[in-house]
């Protein structure tokens, strides 16, 4: 399955709309079924916009810039809220998700056999390896200090591609 990985939206609804235009154009073979959001959505209106345009599951971690109320997330049925960091199994892979890179160490302590860790916060697209895991930052969808970017991850093959909005 194809999964879009985003981070650091920072309430940029214009960039969010362009993102949805791009992922809707994907063919059935490349259809985005889920979204991993590595935090800093910021407010609840942006969450509502995200949800109004996407029916699949959204795996969401809390960023350091959130101003929405966590207790309100239970009303959104397609959000799997993971707190500050957590691990999930997608496809044949055990993955970790966090916002700040300081939690990467904690994810490795929590789960020894991680294949991937997705994180945000730095706004810089990044890919590295540690303990046999691929560590990926999709950059900033909101275009803060960097060009707007996101990633598409194939949870069947494990391949990942960075995409720029413009």
N, C-alpha and C. Protein backbone atom coordinates (compact mmCIF):
# COMPACT_ATOMS: atom_id res chain seq x y z
N UNK A 1 0.84 -1.17 0.00
CA UNK A 1 0.00 0.00 0.00
C UNK A 1 0.88 1.23 0.00
N UNK A 2 0.39 2.30 -0.61
CA UNK A 2 1.11 3.56 -0.67
C UNK A 2 0.65 4.46 0.47
N UNK A 3 1.64 5.07 1.14
CA UNK A 3 1.37 5.92 2.28
C UNK A 3 2.08 7.25 2.08
N UNK A 4 1.35 8.34 2.20
CA UNK A 4 1.97 9.67 2.15
C UNK A 4 2.48 10.00 3.55
N UNK A 5 3.68 10.54 3.61
CA UNK A 5 4.29 10.93 4.89
C UNK A 5 4.49 12.44 4.85
N UNK A 6 3.85 13.13 5.82
CA UNK A 6 3.92 14.58 5.88
C UNK A 6 4.36 15.01 7.28
N UNK A 7 4.85 16.22 7.36
CA UNK A 7 5.19 16.80 8.65
C UNK A 7 5.17 18.31 8.53
N UNK A 8 5.05 18.98 9.65
CA UNK A 8 5.21 20.43 9.73
C UNK A 8 4.35 21.19 8.72
N UNK A 9 3.05 20.94 8.79
CA UNK A 9 2.09 21.64 7.93
C UNK A 9 1.98 23.11 8.37
N UNK A 10 2.01 23.35 9.65
CA UNK A 10 1.95 24.69 10.23
C UNK A 10 0.81 25.53 9.65
N UNK A 11 -0.36 24.91 9.56
CA UNK A 11 -1.59 25.58 9.11
C UNK A 11 -1.51 26.17 7.70
N UNK A 12 -0.62 25.69 6.87
CA UNK A 12 -0.53 26.19 5.50
C UNK A 12 -1.55 25.43 4.65
N UNK A 13 -2.79 25.96 4.63
CA UNK A 13 -3.88 25.29 3.91
C UNK A 13 -3.66 25.29 2.40
N UNK A 14 -3.00 26.29 1.89
CA UNK A 14 -2.70 26.34 0.46
C UNK A 14 -1.81 25.16 0.07
N UNK A 15 -0.75 24.93 0.82
CA UNK A 15 0.14 23.79 0.55
C UNK A 15 -0.60 22.47 0.76
N UNK A 16 -1.45 22.41 1.77
CA UNK A 16 -2.22 21.19 2.03
C UNK A 16 -3.14 20.87 0.85
N UNK A 17 -3.76 21.89 0.29
CA UNK A 17 -4.63 21.67 -0.87
C UNK A 17 -3.85 21.20 -2.09
N UNK A 18 -2.66 21.76 -2.32
CA UNK A 18 -1.82 21.30 -3.44
C UNK A 18 -1.40 19.85 -3.22
N UNK A 19 -1.05 19.52 -1.98
CA UNK A 19 -0.70 18.14 -1.63
C UNK A 19 -1.83 17.19 -2.01
N UNK A 20 -3.07 17.54 -1.64
CA UNK A 20 -4.20 16.67 -1.96
C UNK A 20 -4.44 16.58 -3.46
N UNK A 21 -4.24 17.67 -4.20
CA UNK A 21 -4.37 17.62 -5.65
C UNK A 21 -3.36 16.63 -6.24
N UNK A 22 -2.14 16.65 -5.70
CA UNK A 22 -1.10 15.74 -6.20
C UNK A 22 -1.40 14.28 -5.88
N UNK A 23 -1.84 13.99 -4.66
CA UNK A 23 -2.04 12.58 -4.32
C UNK A 23 -3.32 12.03 -4.94
N UNK A 24 -4.28 12.88 -5.26
CA UNK A 24 -5.51 12.42 -5.92
C UNK A 24 -5.20 12.02 -7.36
N UNK A 25 -4.19 12.63 -7.97
CA UNK A 25 -3.83 12.32 -9.35
C UNK A 25 -3.13 10.97 -9.48
N UNK A 26 -2.75 10.38 -8.37
CA UNK A 26 -2.09 9.08 -8.42
C UNK A 26 -3.04 8.05 -9.04
N UNK A 27 -2.48 7.14 -9.82
CA UNK A 27 -3.29 6.10 -10.45
C UNK A 27 -3.74 5.10 -9.38
N UNK A 28 -4.67 4.23 -9.75
CA UNK A 28 -5.14 3.21 -8.81
C UNK A 28 -3.97 2.39 -8.26
N UNK A 29 -3.01 2.10 -9.11
CA UNK A 29 -1.85 1.32 -8.70
C UNK A 29 -1.03 2.08 -7.64
N UNK A 30 -1.04 3.40 -7.71
CA UNK A 30 -0.26 4.22 -6.78
C UNK A 30 -1.14 4.98 -5.79
N UNK A 31 -2.36 4.56 -5.62
CA UNK A 31 -3.31 5.27 -4.76
C UNK A 31 -2.79 5.34 -3.31
N UNK A 32 -2.89 6.53 -2.74
CA UNK A 32 -2.49 6.74 -1.36
C UNK A 32 -3.62 6.24 -0.47
N UNK A 33 -3.31 5.25 0.37
CA UNK A 33 -4.34 4.66 1.23
C UNK A 33 -4.32 5.20 2.65
N UNK A 34 -3.14 5.63 3.11
CA UNK A 34 -3.00 6.15 4.46
C UNK A 34 -2.05 7.34 4.46
N UNK A 35 -2.09 8.11 5.53
CA UNK A 35 -1.16 9.22 5.72
C UNK A 35 -0.50 9.06 7.08
N UNK A 36 0.81 9.24 7.12
CA UNK A 36 1.54 9.36 8.37
C UNK A 36 1.83 10.85 8.54
N UNK A 37 1.39 11.43 9.63
CA UNK A 37 1.64 12.84 9.90
C UNK A 37 2.54 12.94 11.12
N UNK A 38 3.74 13.45 10.88
CA UNK A 38 4.77 13.52 11.93
C UNK A 38 4.69 14.82 12.74
N UNK A 39 3.52 15.37 12.89
CA UNK A 39 3.32 16.47 13.82
C UNK A 39 3.40 17.87 13.22
N UNK A 40 3.09 18.82 14.07
CA UNK A 40 2.98 20.25 13.76
C UNK A 40 1.96 20.54 12.67
N UNK A 41 0.78 19.89 12.82
CA UNK A 41 -0.40 20.28 12.05
C UNK A 41 -0.75 21.70 12.48
N UNK A 42 -0.79 21.94 13.72
CA UNK A 42 -0.96 23.16 14.51
C UNK A 42 -2.38 23.29 15.05
N UNK A 43 -3.38 23.70 14.25
CA UNK A 43 -4.69 23.89 14.89
C UNK A 43 -5.73 22.89 14.38
N UNK A 44 -6.85 22.88 15.07
CA UNK A 44 -7.90 21.90 14.75
C UNK A 44 -8.55 22.17 13.40
N UNK A 45 -8.58 23.42 12.95
CA UNK A 45 -9.15 23.72 11.63
C UNK A 45 -8.34 23.03 10.53
N UNK A 46 -7.03 22.99 10.68
CA UNK A 46 -6.20 22.29 9.70
C UNK A 46 -6.45 20.79 9.76
N UNK A 47 -6.64 20.26 10.97
CA UNK A 47 -7.00 18.84 11.10
C UNK A 47 -8.31 18.55 10.38
N UNK A 48 -9.29 19.42 10.55
CA UNK A 48 -10.59 19.22 9.87
C UNK A 48 -10.42 19.26 8.36
N UNK A 49 -9.57 20.16 7.87
CA UNK A 49 -9.31 20.26 6.43
C UNK A 49 -8.64 18.98 5.93
N UNK A 50 -7.68 18.49 6.69
CA UNK A 50 -6.98 17.25 6.37
C UNK A 50 -7.98 16.10 6.28
N UNK A 51 -8.87 16.03 7.25
CA UNK A 51 -9.84 14.93 7.32
C UNK A 51 -10.94 15.06 6.27
N UNK A 52 -11.30 16.27 5.93
CA UNK A 52 -12.39 16.44 4.97
C UNK A 52 -11.98 15.99 3.57
N UNK A 53 -10.68 15.92 3.33
CA UNK A 53 -10.21 15.56 1.99
C UNK A 53 -9.60 14.17 1.91
N UNK A 54 -9.58 13.47 3.02
CA UNK A 54 -8.93 12.16 3.01
C UNK A 54 -9.73 11.18 3.86
N UNK A 55 -10.14 10.08 3.25
CA UNK A 55 -10.99 9.11 3.95
C UNK A 55 -10.20 7.97 4.58
N UNK A 56 -8.94 7.82 4.23
CA UNK A 56 -8.14 6.73 4.78
C UNK A 56 -7.69 7.01 6.20
N UNK A 57 -6.87 6.13 6.73
CA UNK A 57 -6.36 6.29 8.10
C UNK A 57 -5.22 7.29 8.12
N UNK A 58 -5.23 8.15 9.13
CA UNK A 58 -4.15 9.11 9.36
C UNK A 58 -3.49 8.75 10.68
N UNK A 59 -2.22 8.38 10.62
CA UNK A 59 -1.43 8.09 11.82
C UNK A 59 -0.79 9.41 12.24
N UNK A 60 -1.15 9.91 13.41
CA UNK A 60 -0.76 11.25 13.82
C UNK A 60 0.00 11.24 15.13
N UNK A 61 1.16 11.92 15.15
CA UNK A 61 1.86 12.17 16.40
C UNK A 61 1.80 13.67 16.70
N UNK A 62 1.94 13.98 17.96
CA UNK A 62 1.88 15.37 18.41
C UNK A 62 3.21 16.06 18.16
N UNK A 63 3.15 17.23 17.55
CA UNK A 63 4.34 18.05 17.38
C UNK A 63 4.47 19.04 18.52
N UNK A 64 5.53 19.80 18.48
CA UNK A 64 5.77 20.78 19.55
C UNK A 64 4.98 22.07 19.35
N UNK A 65 4.36 22.25 18.18
CA UNK A 65 3.63 23.49 17.91
C UNK A 65 2.13 23.33 17.86
N UNK A 66 1.61 22.24 18.37
CA UNK A 66 0.16 22.00 18.28
C UNK A 66 -0.61 22.90 19.24
N UNK A 67 -1.74 23.41 18.74
CA UNK A 67 -2.64 24.18 19.62
C UNK A 67 -4.04 23.56 19.66
N UNK A 68 -4.23 22.40 19.02
CA UNK A 68 -5.51 21.70 19.14
C UNK A 68 -5.53 20.97 20.49
N UNK A 69 -6.72 20.61 20.91
CA UNK A 69 -6.89 19.87 22.16
C UNK A 69 -6.86 18.38 21.86
N UNK A 70 -5.93 17.66 22.48
CA UNK A 70 -5.79 16.23 22.21
C UNK A 70 -7.08 15.45 22.47
N UNK A 71 -7.83 15.84 23.49
CA UNK A 71 -9.06 15.11 23.81
C UNK A 71 -10.10 15.22 22.70
N UNK A 72 -9.99 16.21 21.82
CA UNK A 72 -10.92 16.36 20.69
C UNK A 72 -10.64 15.37 19.56
N UNK A 73 -9.47 14.75 19.58
CA UNK A 73 -9.11 13.84 18.48
C UNK A 73 -9.95 12.58 18.44
N UNK A 74 -10.56 12.20 19.56
CA UNK A 74 -11.37 10.98 19.58
C UNK A 74 -12.59 11.09 18.68
N UNK A 75 -13.03 12.30 18.37
CA UNK A 75 -14.21 12.45 17.50
C UNK A 75 -13.90 12.21 16.03
N UNK A 76 -12.62 12.13 15.69
CA UNK A 76 -12.22 11.87 14.30
C UNK A 76 -11.88 10.39 14.16
N UNK A 77 -12.79 9.66 13.54
CA UNK A 77 -12.68 8.19 13.50
C UNK A 77 -11.49 7.69 12.69
N UNK A 78 -11.03 8.46 11.70
CA UNK A 78 -9.93 7.93 10.89
C UNK A 78 -8.55 8.39 11.37
N UNK A 79 -8.49 9.07 12.52
CA UNK A 79 -7.18 9.42 13.10
C UNK A 79 -6.79 8.37 14.12
N UNK A 80 -5.60 7.83 13.93
CA UNK A 80 -4.98 6.96 14.94
C UNK A 80 -3.95 7.83 15.64
N UNK A 81 -4.33 8.37 16.80
CA UNK A 81 -3.45 9.29 17.52
C UNK A 81 -2.44 8.49 18.32
N UNK A 82 -1.16 8.81 18.15
CA UNK A 82 -0.07 8.03 18.73
C UNK A 82 0.68 8.78 19.84
N UNK A 83 0.17 9.93 20.26
CA UNK A 83 0.86 10.70 21.31
C UNK A 83 2.11 11.36 20.76
N UNK A 84 3.14 11.50 21.61
CA UNK A 84 4.40 12.15 21.19
C UNK A 84 5.20 11.25 20.25
N UNK A 85 5.10 9.95 20.45
CA UNK A 85 5.82 8.98 19.63
C UNK A 85 5.18 7.62 19.85
N UNK A 86 5.36 6.73 18.87
CA UNK A 86 4.86 5.37 19.04
C UNK A 86 5.32 4.52 17.87
N UNK A 87 5.02 3.23 17.95
CA UNK A 87 5.33 2.32 16.86
C UNK A 87 4.03 1.69 16.35
N UNK A 88 4.02 1.36 15.08
CA UNK A 88 2.89 0.68 14.45
C UNK A 88 3.45 -0.32 13.45
N UNK A 89 2.62 -1.26 13.06
CA UNK A 89 3.00 -2.21 12.02
C UNK A 89 2.19 -1.89 10.78
N UNK A 90 2.90 -1.63 9.68
CA UNK A 90 2.25 -1.35 8.40
C UNK A 90 2.92 -2.21 7.34
N UNK A 91 2.09 -2.90 6.57
CA UNK A 91 2.66 -3.84 5.61
C UNK A 91 3.43 -4.89 6.38
N UNK A 92 4.61 -5.16 5.96
CA UNK A 92 5.47 -6.14 6.65
C UNK A 92 6.50 -5.46 7.53
N UNK A 93 6.28 -4.20 7.85
CA UNK A 93 7.29 -3.42 8.55
C UNK A 93 6.80 -2.89 9.89
N UNK A 94 7.68 -2.90 10.85
CA UNK A 94 7.46 -2.26 12.14
C UNK A 94 8.09 -0.88 12.02
N UNK A 95 7.29 0.17 12.24
CA UNK A 95 7.81 1.52 12.06
C UNK A 95 7.61 2.35 13.32
N UNK A 96 8.46 3.32 13.49
CA UNK A 96 8.34 4.29 14.57
C UNK A 96 7.97 5.63 13.97
N UNK A 97 7.18 6.40 14.73
CA UNK A 97 6.77 7.73 14.28
C UNK A 97 6.92 8.69 15.46
N UNK A 98 7.56 9.83 15.19
CA UNK A 98 7.69 10.87 16.20
C UNK A 98 7.80 12.21 15.49
N UNK A 99 7.79 13.29 16.26
CA UNK A 99 8.00 14.61 15.68
C UNK A 99 9.46 15.02 15.87
N UNK A 100 9.86 15.20 17.10
CA UNK A 100 11.22 15.64 17.38
C UNK A 100 12.20 14.48 17.27
N UNK A 101 13.36 14.72 16.66
CA UNK A 101 14.35 13.64 16.52
C UNK A 101 14.89 13.14 17.85
N UNK A 102 14.70 13.88 18.94
CA UNK A 102 15.18 13.38 20.25
C UNK A 102 14.45 12.11 20.66
N UNK A 103 13.27 11.85 20.08
CA UNK A 103 12.51 10.64 20.43
C UNK A 103 12.94 9.41 19.63
N UNK A 104 13.83 9.58 18.65
CA UNK A 104 14.30 8.43 17.87
C UNK A 104 14.96 7.40 18.79
N UNK A 105 15.79 7.85 19.69
CA UNK A 105 16.45 6.94 20.64
C UNK A 105 15.41 6.19 21.48
N UNK A 106 14.38 6.89 21.92
CA UNK A 106 13.31 6.27 22.72
C UNK A 106 12.58 5.21 21.91
N UNK A 107 12.35 5.48 20.62
CA UNK A 107 11.68 4.49 19.77
C UNK A 107 12.53 3.23 19.63
N UNK A 108 13.83 3.38 19.48
CA UNK A 108 14.72 2.21 19.41
C UNK A 108 14.72 1.43 20.72
N UNK A 109 14.60 2.13 21.83
CA UNK A 109 14.54 1.44 23.13
C UNK A 109 13.22 0.69 23.29
N UNK A 110 12.16 1.26 22.76
CA UNK A 110 10.83 0.66 22.86
C UNK A 110 10.69 -0.57 21.97
N UNK A 111 11.27 -0.51 20.78
CA UNK A 111 11.11 -1.58 19.80
C UNK A 111 12.45 -1.84 19.12
N UNK A 112 12.98 -3.03 19.30
CA UNK A 112 14.31 -3.36 18.79
C UNK A 112 14.35 -3.61 17.28
N UNK A 113 13.25 -4.03 16.70
CA UNK A 113 13.25 -4.45 15.29
C UNK A 113 12.54 -3.46 14.37
N UNK A 114 12.83 -2.19 14.51
CA UNK A 114 12.22 -1.21 13.64
C UNK A 114 12.87 -1.24 12.25
N UNK A 115 12.04 -1.15 11.23
CA UNK A 115 12.55 -1.07 9.86
C UNK A 115 12.66 0.38 9.42
N UNK A 116 11.72 1.22 9.88
CA UNK A 116 11.67 2.63 9.50
C UNK A 116 11.31 3.47 10.71
N UNK A 117 11.83 4.69 10.72
CA UNK A 117 11.37 5.72 11.66
C UNK A 117 11.10 6.97 10.84
N UNK A 118 9.91 7.52 11.00
CA UNK A 118 9.53 8.76 10.35
C UNK A 118 9.46 9.85 11.41
N UNK A 119 10.04 11.01 11.11
CA UNK A 119 10.02 12.11 12.07
C UNK A 119 9.95 13.45 11.32
N UNK A 120 9.78 14.53 12.06
CA UNK A 120 9.70 15.86 11.48
C UNK A 120 10.57 16.84 12.23
N UNK A 121 10.01 18.01 12.50
CA UNK A 121 10.57 19.06 13.36
C UNK A 121 11.67 19.89 12.72
N UNK A 122 12.62 19.31 12.02
CA UNK A 122 13.76 20.07 11.49
C UNK A 122 13.43 20.77 10.17
N UNK A 123 12.35 20.36 9.53
CA UNK A 123 11.88 20.90 8.25
C UNK A 123 12.79 20.53 7.08
N UNK A 124 13.82 19.76 7.32
CA UNK A 124 14.74 19.35 6.26
C UNK A 124 14.50 17.90 5.87
N UNK A 125 14.25 17.66 4.58
CA UNK A 125 14.16 16.26 4.16
C UNK A 125 15.48 15.55 4.49
N UNK A 126 15.36 14.35 5.03
CA UNK A 126 16.56 13.65 5.48
C UNK A 126 16.34 12.15 5.42
N UNK A 127 17.41 11.43 5.10
CA UNK A 127 17.37 9.98 5.10
C UNK A 127 18.70 9.49 5.65
N UNK A 128 18.64 8.61 6.64
CA UNK A 128 19.85 8.02 7.20
C UNK A 128 19.53 6.61 7.68
N UNK A 129 20.57 5.90 8.08
CA UNK A 129 20.41 4.53 8.58
C UNK A 129 20.97 4.45 10.00
N UNK A 130 20.29 3.67 10.84
CA UNK A 130 20.79 3.40 12.18
C UNK A 130 20.16 2.10 12.67
N UNK A 131 20.98 1.22 13.24
CA UNK A 131 20.48 -0.06 13.77
C UNK A 131 19.62 -0.80 12.76
N UNK A 132 20.02 -0.81 11.50
CA UNK A 132 19.30 -1.49 10.41
C UNK A 132 17.97 -0.84 10.06
N UNK A 133 17.68 0.33 10.62
CA UNK A 133 16.43 1.04 10.31
C UNK A 133 16.73 2.24 9.42
N UNK A 134 15.82 2.52 8.50
CA UNK A 134 15.90 3.71 7.68
C UNK A 134 15.15 4.82 8.41
N UNK A 135 15.83 5.94 8.63
CA UNK A 135 15.25 7.07 9.35
C UNK A 135 14.98 8.18 8.35
N UNK A 136 13.73 8.63 8.31
CA UNK A 136 13.29 9.53 7.23
C UNK A 136 12.54 10.73 7.79
N UNK A 137 12.93 11.90 7.30
CA UNK A 137 12.18 13.13 7.55
C UNK A 137 11.66 13.60 6.19
N UNK A 138 10.33 13.73 6.02
CA UNK A 138 9.80 14.15 4.73
C UNK A 138 9.93 15.65 4.46
N UNK A 139 10.48 16.40 5.41
CA UNK A 139 10.58 17.84 5.24
C UNK A 139 9.35 18.54 5.77
N UNK A 140 9.08 19.73 5.28
CA UNK A 140 7.97 20.53 5.74
C UNK A 140 6.92 20.69 4.65
N UNK A 141 5.74 20.18 4.86
CA UNK A 141 4.67 20.38 3.88
C UNK A 141 4.28 21.85 3.84
N UNK A 142 4.38 22.53 4.96
CA UNK A 142 4.01 23.94 5.04
C UNK A 142 5.01 24.89 4.39
N UNK A 143 6.17 24.40 3.99
CA UNK A 143 7.14 25.25 3.32
C UNK A 143 7.82 26.25 4.24
N UNK A 144 7.97 25.90 5.51
CA UNK A 144 8.58 26.80 6.47
C UNK A 144 10.10 26.61 6.44
N UNK A 145 10.83 27.64 6.01
CA UNK A 145 12.30 27.66 5.91
C UNK A 145 12.87 26.73 4.84
N UNK A 146 12.07 25.93 4.23
CA UNK A 146 12.50 25.01 3.17
C UNK A 146 11.38 24.94 2.13
N UNK A 147 11.67 24.33 0.99
CA UNK A 147 10.62 24.10 0.00
C UNK A 147 9.61 23.10 0.55
N UNK A 148 8.36 23.24 0.17
CA UNK A 148 7.30 22.32 0.61
C UNK A 148 7.57 20.93 0.04
N UNK A 149 7.57 19.94 0.94
CA UNK A 149 7.85 18.58 0.49
C UNK A 149 7.08 17.57 1.35
N UNK A 150 6.99 16.37 0.81
CA UNK A 150 6.41 15.22 1.51
C UNK A 150 7.02 13.98 0.90
N UNK A 151 6.70 12.84 1.44
CA UNK A 151 7.23 11.59 0.91
C UNK A 151 6.09 10.62 0.62
N UNK A 152 6.34 9.71 -0.29
CA UNK A 152 5.43 8.59 -0.53
C UNK A 152 6.21 7.31 -0.26
N UNK A 153 5.66 6.53 0.66
CA UNK A 153 6.30 5.28 1.08
C UNK A 153 5.44 4.12 0.64
N UNK A 154 6.06 3.13 0.03
CA UNK A 154 5.38 1.90 -0.37
C UNK A 154 5.61 0.88 0.75
N UNK A 155 4.56 0.57 1.50
CA UNK A 155 4.71 -0.32 2.65
C UNK A 155 4.85 -1.79 2.24
N UNK A 156 4.71 -2.08 0.96
CA UNK A 156 4.96 -3.44 0.49
C UNK A 156 6.44 -3.64 0.16
N UNK A 157 7.00 -2.70 -0.58
CA UNK A 157 8.40 -2.83 -1.00
C UNK A 157 9.38 -2.14 -0.06
N UNK A 158 8.89 -1.15 0.70
CA UNK A 158 9.76 -0.38 1.58
C UNK A 158 10.40 0.81 0.89
N UNK A 159 10.13 1.01 -0.39
CA UNK A 159 10.72 2.13 -1.14
C UNK A 159 10.04 3.44 -0.77
N UNK A 160 10.85 4.50 -0.78
CA UNK A 160 10.32 5.82 -0.44
C UNK A 160 10.81 6.84 -1.47
N UNK A 161 9.92 7.81 -1.79
CA UNK A 161 10.26 8.87 -2.74
C UNK A 161 9.90 10.21 -2.11
N UNK A 162 10.81 11.17 -2.22
CA UNK A 162 10.55 12.52 -1.77
C UNK A 162 9.87 13.28 -2.91
N UNK A 163 8.86 14.06 -2.59
CA UNK A 163 8.13 14.85 -3.58
C UNK A 163 8.14 16.31 -3.16
N UNK A 164 8.35 17.21 -4.12
CA UNK A 164 8.25 18.64 -3.88
C UNK A 164 6.89 19.11 -4.40
N UNK A 165 6.29 20.10 -3.74
CA UNK A 165 4.99 20.60 -4.19
C UNK A 165 5.09 21.39 -5.46
N UNK A 166 6.18 22.12 -5.68
CA UNK A 166 6.30 22.92 -6.91
C UNK A 166 7.62 22.61 -7.58
